């Protein structure tokens, strides 16, 4: 006995589940990458002592990560969430590579 065609509701549920998984991966890993790059860039650009800039970056990293995560879970458009988080992390990383090591 063969299992005939899968009902459309199963396909919709599978697509929804994949979207939820991608959103969670984006918020957790992409949000971490975004926060790490953002605060590293901030610490690199702050005109204060390197140790103080690092401390400020560490403190602000929690706020950035939570803010990006909450926004990523709240926004209904998964494409925009992915683009902003992963794109922001990639652009920030490119900017850090261009700036180089802080003197």
Protein backbone atom coordinates (compact mmCIF):
# COMPACT_ATOMS: atom_id res chain seq x y z
CA UNK A 1 0.00 0.00 0.00
CA UNK A 2 1.59 3.25 -1.08
CA UNK A 3 1.19 6.49 0.76
CA UNK A 4 -0.41 8.78 -1.83
CA UNK A 5 0.29 12.46 -2.18
CA UNK A 6 1.04 14.41 0.95
CA UNK A 7 -1.75 16.81 1.92
CA UNK A 8 -1.02 20.50 1.41
CA UNK A 9 -1.31 21.16 5.12
CA UNK A 10 1.77 18.99 5.78
CA UNK A 11 3.79 20.97 3.24
CA UNK A 12 2.68 24.24 4.81
CA UNK A 13 3.62 22.94 8.26
CA UNK A 14 7.04 21.85 7.01
CA UNK A 15 7.66 25.29 5.44
CA UNK A 16 6.56 27.00 8.64
CA UNK A 17 8.85 24.77 10.72
CA UNK A 18 11.80 25.53 8.45
CA UNK A 19 11.08 29.25 8.80
CA UNK A 20 10.99 28.97 12.58
CA UNK A 21 14.27 27.06 12.62
CA UNK A 22 15.94 29.59 10.32
CA UNK A 23 14.66 32.48 12.45
CA UNK A 24 16.06 30.86 15.60
CA UNK A 25 19.43 30.20 13.95
CA UNK A 26 19.52 33.76 12.64
CA UNK A 27 18.62 35.29 15.99
CA UNK A 28 20.99 33.14 18.04
CA UNK A 29 24.08 32.82 15.85
CA UNK A 30 23.58 35.80 13.57
CA UNK A 31 22.59 38.00 16.50
CA UNK A 32 25.74 36.94 18.33
CA UNK A 33 27.87 37.69 15.27
CA UNK A 34 26.13 41.04 14.78
CA UNK A 35 26.60 42.03 18.42
CA UNK A 36 30.22 40.92 18.49
CA UNK A 37 31.08 42.83 15.33
CA UNK A 38 29.10 45.91 16.35
CA UNK A 39 30.74 46.28 19.75
CA UNK A 40 34.19 45.43 18.40
CA UNK A 41 33.76 48.15 15.82
CA UNK A 42 32.55 50.53 18.52
CA UNK A 43 35.53 49.69 20.74
CA UNK A 44 37.84 50.18 17.76
CA UNK A 45 36.41 53.62 16.98
CA UNK A 46 36.03 55.03 20.50
CA UNK A 47 38.67 57.69 21.19
CA UNK A 48 39.49 56.36 24.66
CA UNK A 49 42.05 53.95 26.10
CA UNK A 50 41.93 50.47 24.57
CA UNK A 51 41.13 48.75 27.89
CA UNK A 52 38.25 51.13 28.60
CA UNK A 53 36.90 50.74 25.07
CA UNK A 54 37.01 46.96 25.46
CA UNK A 55 35.15 47.19 28.76
CA UNK A 56 32.45 49.40 27.26
CA UNK A 57 32.16 46.99 24.34
CA UNK A 58 31.71 44.03 26.65
CA UNK A 59 29.01 45.80 28.64
CA UNK A 60 27.16 47.00 25.56
CA UNK A 61 27.38 43.62 23.82
CA UNK A 62 24.62 42.22 26.02
CA UNK A 63 22.31 45.10 25.22
CA UNK A 64 22.98 44.83 21.49
CA UNK A 65 22.51 41.04 21.45
CA UNK A 66 19.22 41.20 23.37
CA UNK A 67 17.91 44.10 21.27
CA UNK A 68 18.74 42.39 17.98
CA UNK A 69 17.30 39.10 19.24
CA UNK A 70 14.03 40.60 20.40
CA UNK A 71 13.62 42.55 17.18
CA UNK A 72 14.44 39.44 15.13
CA UNK A 73 11.77 37.43 16.93
CA UNK A 74 9.21 40.23 16.75
CA UNK A 75 9.43 41.22 13.06
CA UNK A 76 7.11 39.23 10.80
CA UNK A 77 9.31 39.38 7.70
CA UNK A 78 11.96 36.68 7.90
CA UNK A 79 13.77 37.96 4.81
CA UNK A 80 14.29 41.39 6.32
CA UNK A 81 15.43 39.91 9.64
CA UNK A 82 17.97 37.69 7.88
CA UNK A 83 19.21 40.50 5.66
CA UNK A 84 19.66 42.99 8.50
CA UNK A 85 21.31 40.58 10.94
CA UNK A 86 23.56 38.60 8.58
CA UNK A 87 24.19 41.57 6.28
CA UNK A 88 25.01 43.84 9.21
CA UNK A 89 27.43 41.28 10.61
CA UNK A 90 29.13 40.89 7.22
CA UNK A 91 29.40 44.65 6.65
CA UNK A 92 30.74 45.21 10.14
CA UNK A 93 33.30 42.46 9.66
CA UNK A 94 34.41 44.02 6.37
CA UNK A 95 34.74 47.41 8.07
CA UNK A 96 36.85 45.87 10.84
CA UNK A 97 39.12 44.22 8.29
CA UNK A 98 39.57 47.55 6.51
CA UNK A 99 40.34 49.42 9.74
CA UNK A 100 42.90 46.90 10.89
CA UNK A 101 44.36 46.66 14.38
CA UNK A 102 43.94 49.60 16.72
CA UNK A 103 47.23 51.41 17.28
